[in-house]
Amino acid sequence: MQLSFQRLRQLKLKAAQINRKLASFNQNKHVRFNKISKRRYRFDNFLIDKKIDFLTQGGIADEIRQRGNVAEAVSVDTQPLVLTDFHITKRSQFH
């Protein structure tokens, strides 16, 4: 499976949209769950789930990992989330 330029553009636009939503409440690129309200916690989890779904849907993440040039093009915008204990950090796993 190869990603067409049109599909790649769709993915980059979707990733940028998700990142804008994350950035709107996550200015420092990390949120400590124990310092935010339950409502905010649910909102955080919703966005994290959306992002993980987006990155893993249809083997997109595997495709990106296998193809260096696609990885370079997509990783700038997608920045997968790395979840540690009660801590969220945005990092790129493709570098």
Protein backbone atom coordinates (compact mmCIF):
# COMPACT_ATOMS: atom_id res chain seq x y z
CA MET A 1 0.00 0.00 0.00
CA GLN A 2 1.38 3.37 -1.01
CA LEU A 3 -0.01 6.67 0.14
CA SER A 4 -1.06 8.90 -2.73
CA PHE A 5 -0.28 12.61 -2.58
CA GLN A 6 -3.99 13.32 -2.11
CA ARG A 7 -4.27 10.87 0.80
CA LEU A 8 -1.06 12.21 2.33
CA ARG A 9 -2.46 15.75 2.12
CA GLN A 10 -5.71 14.60 3.80
CA LEU A 11 -3.71 12.98 6.61
CA LYS A 12 -1.58 16.08 7.13
CA LEU A 13 -4.66 18.32 7.25
CA LYS A 14 -6.39 16.00 9.72
CA ALA A 15 -3.26 15.81 11.88
CA ALA A 16 -2.94 19.60 11.87
CA GLN A 17 -6.60 19.92 12.91
CA ILE A 18 -6.09 17.53 15.84
CA ASN A 19 -2.88 19.30 16.85
CA ARG A 20 -4.67 22.67 16.88
CA LYS A 21 -7.29 21.24 19.25
CA LEU A 22 -4.57 19.80 21.47
CA ALA A 23 -2.63 23.07 21.47
CA SER A 24 -5.72 25.06 22.48
CA PHE A 25 -5.65 23.61 26.01
CA ASN A 26 -2.12 22.27 26.10
CA GLN A 27 0.16 25.29 25.66
CA ASN A 28 3.17 23.69 27.32
CA LYS A 29 2.77 20.42 25.40
CA HIS A 30 2.08 18.52 28.59
CA VAL A 31 -0.77 18.27 31.09
CA ARG A 32 -0.64 16.70 34.52
CA PHE A 33 -3.92 14.88 35.10
CA ASN A 34 -3.88 15.43 38.86
CA LYS A 35 -3.96 19.21 38.39
CA ILE A 36 -7.03 19.44 36.18
CA SER A 37 -10.75 18.96 36.69
CA LYS A 38 -12.60 15.76 35.79
CA ARG A 39 -14.32 17.58 32.94
CA ARG A 40 -10.98 18.68 31.52
CA TYR A 41 -9.61 15.15 32.04
CA ARG A 42 -12.42 13.70 29.90
CA PHE A 43 -11.75 16.30 27.21
CA ASP A 44 -8.03 15.45 27.23
CA ASN A 45 -8.76 11.74 26.92
CA PHE A 46 -11.20 12.33 24.07
CA LEU A 47 -8.56 14.17 22.04
CA ILE A 48 -5.84 11.65 22.89
CA ASP A 49 -8.12 8.79 21.80
CA LYS A 50 -8.94 10.64 18.58
CA LYS A 51 -5.26 11.15 17.85
CA ILE A 52 -4.31 7.54 18.59
CA ASP A 53 -7.22 6.31 16.44
CA PHE A 54 -6.11 8.60 13.62
CA LEU A 55 -2.51 7.41 13.75
CA THR A 56 -3.27 3.69 13.95
CA GLN A 57 -6.32 3.53 11.67
CA GLY A 58 -5.79 1.36 8.60
CA GLY A 59 -2.14 0.72 9.39
CA ILE A 60 -1.18 4.31 8.63
CA ALA A 61 1.46 4.33 11.37
CA ASP A 62 3.08 1.15 9.98
CA GLU A 63 3.05 2.59 6.48
CA ILE A 64 4.74 5.75 7.71
CA ARG A 65 7.38 3.79 9.63
CA GLN A 66 8.23 1.66 6.58
CA ARG A 67 8.65 4.53 4.11
CA GLY A 68 11.33 7.06 5.01
CA ASN A 69 10.12 9.78 2.65
CA VAL A 70 6.52 9.54 3.88
CA ALA A 71 7.80 9.54 7.46
CA GLU A 72 9.64 12.79 6.81
CA ALA A 73 6.56 14.37 5.24
CA VAL A 74 4.03 13.28 7.86
CA SER A 75 5.94 13.24 11.15
CA VAL A 76 6.26 17.03 11.23
CA ASP A 77 2.49 17.43 11.48
CA THR A 78 1.39 14.30 13.32
CA GLN A 79 3.69 14.21 16.38
CA PRO A 80 2.23 11.10 18.05
CA LEU A 81 1.48 11.30 21.74
CA VAL A 82 3.59 9.33 24.16
CA LEU A 83 1.58 8.50 27.28
CA THR A 84 3.51 8.03 30.50
CA ASP A 85 2.07 7.63 33.99
CA PHE A 86 -0.44 10.47 34.38
CA HIS A 87 1.55 12.58 31.98
CA ILE A 88 1.10 13.44 28.31
CA THR A 89 4.00 14.46 26.12
CA LYS A 90 3.91 15.17 22.41
CA ARG A 91 6.86 13.54 20.66
CA SER A 92 7.64 12.29 17.20
CA GLN A 93 8.32 8.56 17.11
CA PHE A 94 9.55 8.63 13.52
CA HIS A 95 12.92 10.31 14.11
